[in-house]
Amino acid sequence: MNNPTDTKVINFSQSTSEQIEQVAQSQFAKYLPPQGMSRARDILPFLPFGRTTLHEWSNDGRFPASVKLSPTMVAWRNADVLAWLEAQQPSTASTDVEA
């Protein structure tokens, strides 16, 4: 049984740069670069759906198409994924009311 007091806490005022780097690379600091390509495991944290939906939507055009790298490996262009994500954001400009 885990005791809440056993949880390791990093005190940032006394932490080393190595500890700060480990926190920055944790699951809360994910970033998809605009250049290059990524596999499904790399882009799924940014998407509101799972692996099966990713492949289905890629095949039917609702999500950018994947690129076949080998007979068993596909990847997505990061720029296409980022553009798709931007297109999914609700526009606040159309809801602004001019005074």
Protein backbone atom coordinates (compact mmCIF):
# COMPACT_ATOMS: atom_id res chain seq x y z
CA MET A 1 0.00 0.00 0.00
CA ASN A 2 1.41 3.38 -0.97
CA ASN A 3 1.60 5.99 1.71
CA PRO A 4 1.07 9.57 0.42
CA THR A 5 4.06 10.66 2.49
CA ASP A 6 6.28 8.28 0.48
CA THR A 7 5.77 10.38 -2.65
CA LYS A 8 8.95 12.11 -3.77
CA VAL A 9 8.60 15.89 -4.09
CA ILE A 10 11.11 18.11 -5.85
CA ASN A 11 11.73 21.34 -4.01
CA PHE A 12 12.52 23.77 -6.85
CA SER A 13 14.34 26.22 -4.62
CA GLN A 14 16.92 23.53 -3.81
CA SER A 15 16.77 21.40 -6.95
CA THR A 16 19.58 20.92 -9.40
CA SER A 17 19.33 21.69 -13.08
CA GLU A 18 19.29 17.93 -13.74
CA GLN A 19 16.17 17.50 -11.61
CA ILE A 20 14.49 20.43 -13.35
CA GLU A 21 15.34 18.90 -16.75
CA GLN A 22 13.75 15.59 -15.68
CA VAL A 23 10.55 17.39 -14.72
CA ALA A 24 10.56 19.34 -17.99
CA GLN A 25 10.81 16.09 -19.94
CA SER A 26 7.94 14.52 -18.01
CA GLN A 27 4.51 13.81 -19.47
CA PHE A 28 3.42 17.38 -18.71
CA ALA A 29 5.96 18.92 -21.08
CA LYS A 30 5.08 17.34 -24.42
CA TYR A 31 5.85 19.23 -27.61
CA LEU A 32 5.37 18.31 -31.26
CA PRO A 33 7.93 20.05 -33.48
CA PRO A 34 6.54 21.51 -36.72
CA GLN A 35 9.14 19.78 -38.88
CA GLY A 36 9.65 16.06 -39.31
CA MET A 37 7.39 13.06 -38.91
CA SER A 38 5.99 11.20 -35.91
CA ARG A 39 4.64 7.76 -35.21
CA ALA A 40 1.21 7.16 -33.66
CA ARG A 41 2.62 6.85 -30.12
CA ASP A 42 4.15 10.32 -30.50
CA ILE A 43 1.03 12.15 -31.71
CA LEU A 44 -1.66 10.34 -29.67
CA PRO A 45 -1.03 12.45 -26.52
CA PHE A 46 -2.10 15.51 -28.53
CA LEU A 47 -5.28 13.94 -29.95
CA PRO A 48 -8.70 13.55 -28.31
CA PHE A 49 -9.05 9.96 -29.57
CA GLY A 50 -7.19 6.66 -29.60
CA ARG A 51 -5.08 4.60 -31.99
CA THR A 52 -7.97 2.86 -33.76
CA THR A 53 -9.77 6.13 -34.50
CA LEU A 54 -6.47 7.67 -35.65
CA HIS A 55 -6.02 4.97 -38.30
CA GLU A 56 -9.69 4.98 -39.34
CA TRP A 57 -9.80 8.77 -39.70
CA SER A 58 -6.49 8.78 -41.60
CA ASN A 59 -7.87 6.25 -44.05
CA ASP A 60 -11.19 8.05 -44.65
CA GLY A 61 -9.83 11.62 -44.83
CA ARG A 62 -11.03 13.07 -41.52
CA PHE A 63 -7.39 13.27 -40.33
CA PRO A 64 -4.20 13.82 -42.36
CA ALA A 65 -3.07 10.75 -44.26
CA SER A 66 -0.21 8.69 -42.93
CA VAL A 67 2.96 8.02 -44.91
CA LYS A 68 4.03 4.41 -45.27
CA LEU A 69 7.69 4.13 -44.20
CA SER A 70 7.93 0.36 -44.55
CA PRO A 71 5.49 -2.54 -44.98
CA THR A 72 4.70 -2.42 -41.26
CA MET A 73 5.41 1.21 -40.27
CA VAL A 74 3.52 4.46 -40.87
CA ALA A 75 4.09 8.02 -39.68
CA TRP A 76 2.39 11.40 -39.97
CA ARG A 77 3.89 14.71 -41.05
CA ASN A 78 4.05 16.90 -37.95
CA ALA A 79 3.06 20.01 -39.94
CA ASP A 80 -0.11 18.26 -41.15
CA VAL A 81 -1.02 17.14 -37.62
CA LEU A 82 -0.44 20.61 -36.18
CA ALA A 83 -2.52 22.20 -38.96
CA TRP A 84 -5.35 19.74 -38.26
CA LEU A 85 -5.20 20.51 -34.53
CA GLU A 86 -5.32 24.26 -35.24
CA ALA A 87 -8.36 23.76 -37.48
CA GLN A 88 -10.17 22.00 -34.61
CA GLN A 89 -9.79 24.96 -32.24
CA PRO A 90 -12.98 26.99 -31.85
CA SER A 91 -12.68 30.45 -33.33
CA THR A 92 -13.12 33.24 -30.77
CA ALA A 93 -13.00 35.97 -33.43
CA SER A 94 -16.51 35.19 -34.67
CA THR A 95 -17.98 35.40 -31.16
CA ASP A 96 -16.42 38.77 -30.26
CA VAL A 97 -18.92 41.62 -30.10
CA GLU A 98 -17.72 45.05 -31.14
CA ALA A 99 -18.65 47.83 -28.71
